[in-house]
Amino acid sequence: MKFIIQALSIFAVVQSASAFAGLNQPTKTSGDVSRRESFANVAAIVGGVAGIIASPSIASAYPSDETPRVTSRLGGLLERYGDTQRGLSLLVPSGWNKFEGEVGAYDIKWQDLVDQRENVKISSTPVKSTTTSINALGDNVQEIGEKLAVKRDAKLIKAEERLTDNILFYVFEFAINDGTHQLLSLSVAKGKIWSVDCNTLEKRWSKRSETYNNVIGSFLPNLSN
């Protein structure tokens, strides 16, 4: 898609992650260490985001048009899930096993009954209070996606942005060289960076594509209907 937000410079060093981790403080307080550790966790979750954080000194604009939230359950293939404790909602594959958090890996996971490589995961970690949008990563979504693809040993298939419910989402699709396929969404809301990733075997992507795109398009870090 055509990107309509201003270009920001991208630094391929972890130390430039001050937008998310507050690392440019003159002294290392316990709070700074905690923020650094938190960001390290989410970097592992999303596969290399820490290495592509942009300079936070320049403000970026949002896309001008809102994209409606996906609500189609595809004739029962998907069911709505709402989490009052975490304050999030999305559509998830009907009948899949649900697992609660694994530290450093995910907050919630849904997994196919037969093949555990087919799964949907939600992960989150706190960010600095001044970070209110995923555009702190930079606004060249294609370049961000290419860097994430390198971290995954993958081919970038798609990189796009959308604005839903006034929240900016970056969405990436990867064909990974281990024979799997992934759809990934990143956003910032309520003081956290949110990652939603949908995974399947490459040979089954054509069957999962519509389902997973609806999952990604339905996610909001709130309980809106």
Protein backbone atom coordinates (compact mmCIF):
# COMPACT_ATOMS: atom_id res chain seq x y z
CA MET A 1 0.00 0.00 0.00
CA LYS A 2 1.05 3.63 -0.32
CA PHE A 3 2.44 4.98 2.90
CA ILE A 4 1.33 8.50 3.81
CA ILE A 5 3.29 9.21 6.97
CA GLN A 6 6.62 11.12 6.98
CA ALA A 7 9.92 9.24 6.65
CA LEU A 8 11.98 8.81 9.82
CA SER A 9 15.61 7.69 10.12
CA ILE A 10 16.12 4.11 11.36
CA PHE A 11 19.00 3.09 13.57
CA ALA A 12 20.08 -0.56 13.61
CA VAL A 13 21.30 -0.50 17.21
CA VAL A 14 19.56 -1.49 20.41
CA GLN A 15 20.81 1.61 22.22
CA SER A 16 18.62 3.83 20.04
CA ALA A 17 15.46 2.26 21.48
CA SER A 18 14.77 5.17 23.84
CA ALA A 19 11.27 5.61 22.46
CA PHE A 20 10.31 2.27 23.97
CA ALA A 21 12.82 1.61 26.71
CA GLY A 22 14.06 4.94 28.04
CA LEU A 23 17.70 3.98 27.61
CA ASN A 24 19.17 7.45 27.03
CA GLN A 25 19.05 8.50 30.65
CA PRO A 26 22.32 9.81 32.17
CA THR A 27 22.18 7.36 35.07
CA LYS A 28 21.02 3.76 35.26
CA THR A 29 18.24 3.63 37.81
CA SER A 30 16.36 0.47 38.71
CA GLY A 31 13.46 1.77 36.61
CA ASP A 32 15.75 2.11 33.57
CA VAL A 33 16.95 -1.46 34.02
CA SER A 34 13.38 -2.68 34.32
CA ARG A 35 12.36 -0.89 31.11
CA ARG A 36 15.40 -2.31 29.32
CA GLU A 37 14.49 -5.83 30.42
CA SER A 38 10.88 -5.33 29.38
CA PHE A 39 11.88 -4.19 25.93
CA ALA A 40 14.30 -7.08 25.58
CA ASN A 41 11.36 -9.41 26.21
CA VAL A 42 9.20 -7.90 23.49
CA ALA A 43 12.16 -7.79 21.10
CA ALA A 44 12.46 -11.54 21.46
CA ILE A 45 8.72 -11.94 21.01
CA VAL A 46 8.45 -10.02 17.75
CA GLY A 47 11.78 -11.16 16.38
CA GLY A 48 14.22 -8.28 16.24
CA VAL A 49 12.22 -5.09 16.71
CA ALA A 50 14.87 -3.72 19.08
CA GLY A 51 17.34 -3.56 16.23
CA ILE A 52 15.18 -1.30 14.04
CA ILE A 53 13.88 1.36 16.43
CA ALA A 54 13.77 4.86 15.01
CA SER A 55 14.84 8.14 16.55
CA PRO A 56 11.98 9.38 18.75
CA SER A 57 12.78 13.06 18.25
CA ILE A 58 10.61 13.52 15.15
CA ALA A 59 6.82 13.18 15.30
CA SER A 60 5.08 11.09 12.64
CA ALA A 61 1.58 11.50 11.25
CA TYR A 62 -1.10 8.83 11.22
CA PRO A 63 -2.82 7.55 8.09
CA SER A 64 -5.76 9.81 7.32
CA ASP A 65 -8.35 7.07 6.74
CA GLU A 66 -9.75 4.63 9.30
CA THR A 67 -10.02 0.95 8.37
CA PRO A 68 -13.07 -0.70 9.96
CA ARG A 69 -12.45 -3.51 12.37
CA VAL A 70 -13.01 -6.99 10.89
CA THR A 71 -16.13 -8.63 12.35
CA SER A 72 -16.79 -11.52 9.95
CA ARG A 73 -16.65 -14.93 11.63
CA LEU A 74 -16.44 -16.68 8.26
CA GLY A 75 -19.51 -18.81 8.83
CA GLY A 76 -18.39 -20.06 12.24
CA LEU A 77 -14.69 -20.65 11.54
CA LEU A 78 -13.97 -17.87 14.03
CA GLU A 79 -15.41 -16.99 17.43
CA ARG A 80 -15.16 -13.79 19.42
CA TYR A 81 -12.85 -13.70 22.44
CA GLY A 82 -12.84 -10.90 24.99
CA ASP A 83 -10.43 -10.66 27.92
CA THR A 84 -11.69 -8.33 30.64
CA GLN A 85 -8.49 -8.60 32.70
CA ARG A 86 -6.15 -7.63 29.86
CA GLY A 87 -8.71 -5.44 28.13
CA LEU A 88 -8.51 -6.89 24.62
CA SER A 89 -10.74 -8.61 22.09
CA LEU A 90 -10.41 -10.39 18.76
CA LEU A 91 -11.73 -13.26 16.66
CA VAL A 92 -9.96 -16.60 17.13
CA PRO A 93 -10.27 -19.98 15.39
CA SER A 94 -13.26 -21.91 16.74
CA GLY A 95 -12.48 -24.96 18.85
CA TRP A 96 -8.74 -24.41 19.19
CA ASN A 97 -7.02 -25.10 22.50
CA LYS A 98 -6.31 -21.98 24.54
CA PHE A 99 -3.18 -21.58 26.68
CA GLU A 100 -2.40 -18.88 29.22
CA GLY A 101 0.92 -17.06 29.30
CA GLU A 102 4.37 -18.51 28.96
CA VAL A 103 6.88 -16.00 30.35
CA GLY A 104 8.96 -14.42 27.61
CA ALA A 105 6.94 -16.10 24.86
CA TYR A 106 3.28 -15.01 24.87
CA ASP A 107 0.35 -13.80 26.97
CA ILE A 108 -2.27 -16.03 25.36
CA LYS A 109 -2.05 -18.71 22.68
CA TRP A 110 -4.62 -20.61 20.64
CA GLN A 111 -3.39 -23.80 19.03
CA ASP A 112 -4.82 -26.22 16.48
CA LEU A 113 -5.95 -29.51 17.98
CA VAL A 114 -3.86 -31.55 15.55
CA ASP A 115 -0.79 -29.50 14.57
CA GLN A 116 0.82 -27.23 17.18
CA ARG A 117 2.59 -25.29 14.42
CA GLU A 118 -0.80 -23.80 13.58
CA ASN A 119 -1.33 -21.19 16.28
CA VAL A 120 -2.28 -17.63 17.15
CA LYS A 121 -0.39 -15.77 19.89
CA ILE A 122 -0.84 -12.45 21.66
CA SER A 123 2.14 -10.89 23.44
CA SER A 124 2.57 -7.57 25.22
CA THR A 125 5.09 -5.63 27.27
CA PRO A 126 5.04 -2.17 28.91
CA VAL A 127 6.61 0.77 27.10
CA LYS A 128 7.62 4.26 28.16
CA SER A 129 4.64 6.50 28.91
CA THR A 130 5.61 8.95 26.19
CA THR A 131 5.41 6.23 23.52
CA THR A 132 1.85 6.21 22.23
CA SER A 133 2.12 4.71 18.75
CA ILE A 134 3.92 1.96 16.87
CA ASN A 135 5.27 4.66 14.53
CA ALA A 136 8.04 5.09 17.12
CA LEU A 137 9.59 2.22 15.14
CA GLY A 138 9.69 4.48 12.10
CA ASP A 139 7.18 5.07 9.35
CA ASN A 140 8.79 3.17 6.47
CA VAL A 141 6.80 0.00 7.00
CA GLN A 142 8.42 -1.81 4.08
CA GLU A 143 11.92 -1.21 5.47
CA ILE A 144 10.86 -2.32 8.95
CA GLY A 145 9.36 -5.48 7.46
CA GLU A 146 12.53 -6.25 5.52
CA LYS A 147 14.63 -5.96 8.68
CA LEU A 148 12.23 -8.22 10.57
CA ALA A 149 12.40 -10.71 7.70
CA VAL A 150 16.19 -10.87 8.01
CA LYS A 151 15.83 -11.63 11.73
CA ARG A 152 13.41 -14.45 10.87
CA ASP A 153 15.41 -15.85 7.93
CA ALA A 154 12.28 -15.18 5.90
CA LYS A 155 10.96 -13.53 2.77
CA LEU A 156 8.78 -10.48 3.33
CA ILE A 157 5.51 -10.95 1.46
CA LYS A 158 3.55 -7.95 2.72
CA ALA A 159 4.13 -4.83 4.81
CA GLU A 160 1.29 -2.40 5.42
CA GLU A 161 -0.23 -0.04 7.93
CA ARG A 162 -3.79 0.67 8.99
CA LEU A 163 -5.60 2.87 11.45
CA THR A 164 -8.47 1.24 13.35
CA ASP A 165 -10.25 2.79 16.32
CA ASN A 166 -7.55 5.49 16.25
CA ILE A 167 -4.83 2.87 16.85
CA LEU A 168 -2.03 2.51 14.30
CA PHE A 169 -1.19 -1.08 13.31
CA TYR A 170 1.77 -2.36 11.31
CA VAL A 171 1.03 -5.68 9.61
CA PHE A 172 3.64 -7.98 8.07
CA GLU A 173 3.47 -11.30 6.25
CA PHE A 174 6.49 -13.61 6.09
CA ALA A 175 7.33 -16.84 4.28
CA ILE A 176 9.89 -18.33 6.66
CA ASN A 177 12.62 -20.63 5.43
CA ASP A 178 11.76 -23.32 7.97
CA GLY A 179 8.62 -24.10 5.97
CA THR A 180 6.21 -21.97 7.98
CA HIS A 181 4.23 -18.83 7.17
CA GLN A 182 3.47 -15.98 9.57
CA LEU A 183 1.17 -12.98 9.74
CA LEU A 184 2.27 -10.42 12.35
CA SER A 185 0.59 -7.31 13.73
CA LEU A 186 2.30 -4.70 15.95
CA SER A 187 0.64 -1.81 17.75
CA VAL A 188 0.96 0.37 20.84
CA ALA A 189 -1.94 1.11 23.18
CA LYS A 190 -2.57 1.53 26.90
CA GLY A 191 1.14 1.80 27.67
CA LYS A 192 2.07 -1.49 25.99
CA ILE A 193 3.37 -2.76 22.68
CA TRP A 194 1.06 -5.50 21.39
CA SER A 195 2.11 -8.31 19.08
CA VAL A 196 -0.35 -10.70 17.44
CA ASP A 197 1.15 -13.45 15.29
CA CYS A 198 -0.63 -16.16 13.32
CA ASN A 199 1.42 -19.16 12.21
CA THR A 200 0.91 -22.12 9.90
CA LEU A 201 2.81 -24.40 7.54
CA GLU A 202 3.69 -22.83 4.20
CA LYS A 203 1.78 -25.55 2.37
CA ARG A 204 -1.37 -24.67 4.32
CA TRP A 205 -1.16 -20.88 3.99
CA SER A 206 -3.67 -20.73 1.14
CA LYS A 207 -6.23 -22.39 3.44
CA ARG A 208 -5.41 -20.21 6.46
CA SER A 209 -4.90 -16.87 4.73
CA GLU A 210 -8.45 -15.53 4.97
CA THR A 211 -8.91 -16.82 8.52
CA TYR A 212 -5.68 -15.31 9.78
CA ASN A 213 -6.24 -11.98 8.06
CA ASN A 214 -9.60 -11.78 9.82
CA VAL A 215 -7.95 -12.59 13.15
CA ILE A 216 -5.38 -9.83 12.65
CA GLY A 217 -7.99 -7.38 11.41
CA SER A 218 -10.27 -8.04 14.38
CA PHE A 219 -7.75 -7.44 17.15
CA LEU A 220 -8.15 -4.39 19.36
CA PRO A 221 -6.53 -3.82 22.77
CA ASN A 222 -9.94 -2.96 24.19
CA LEU A 223 -13.32 -4.64 24.63
CA SER A 224 -15.17 -2.85 21.82
CA ASN A 225 -17.93 -4.87 20.20
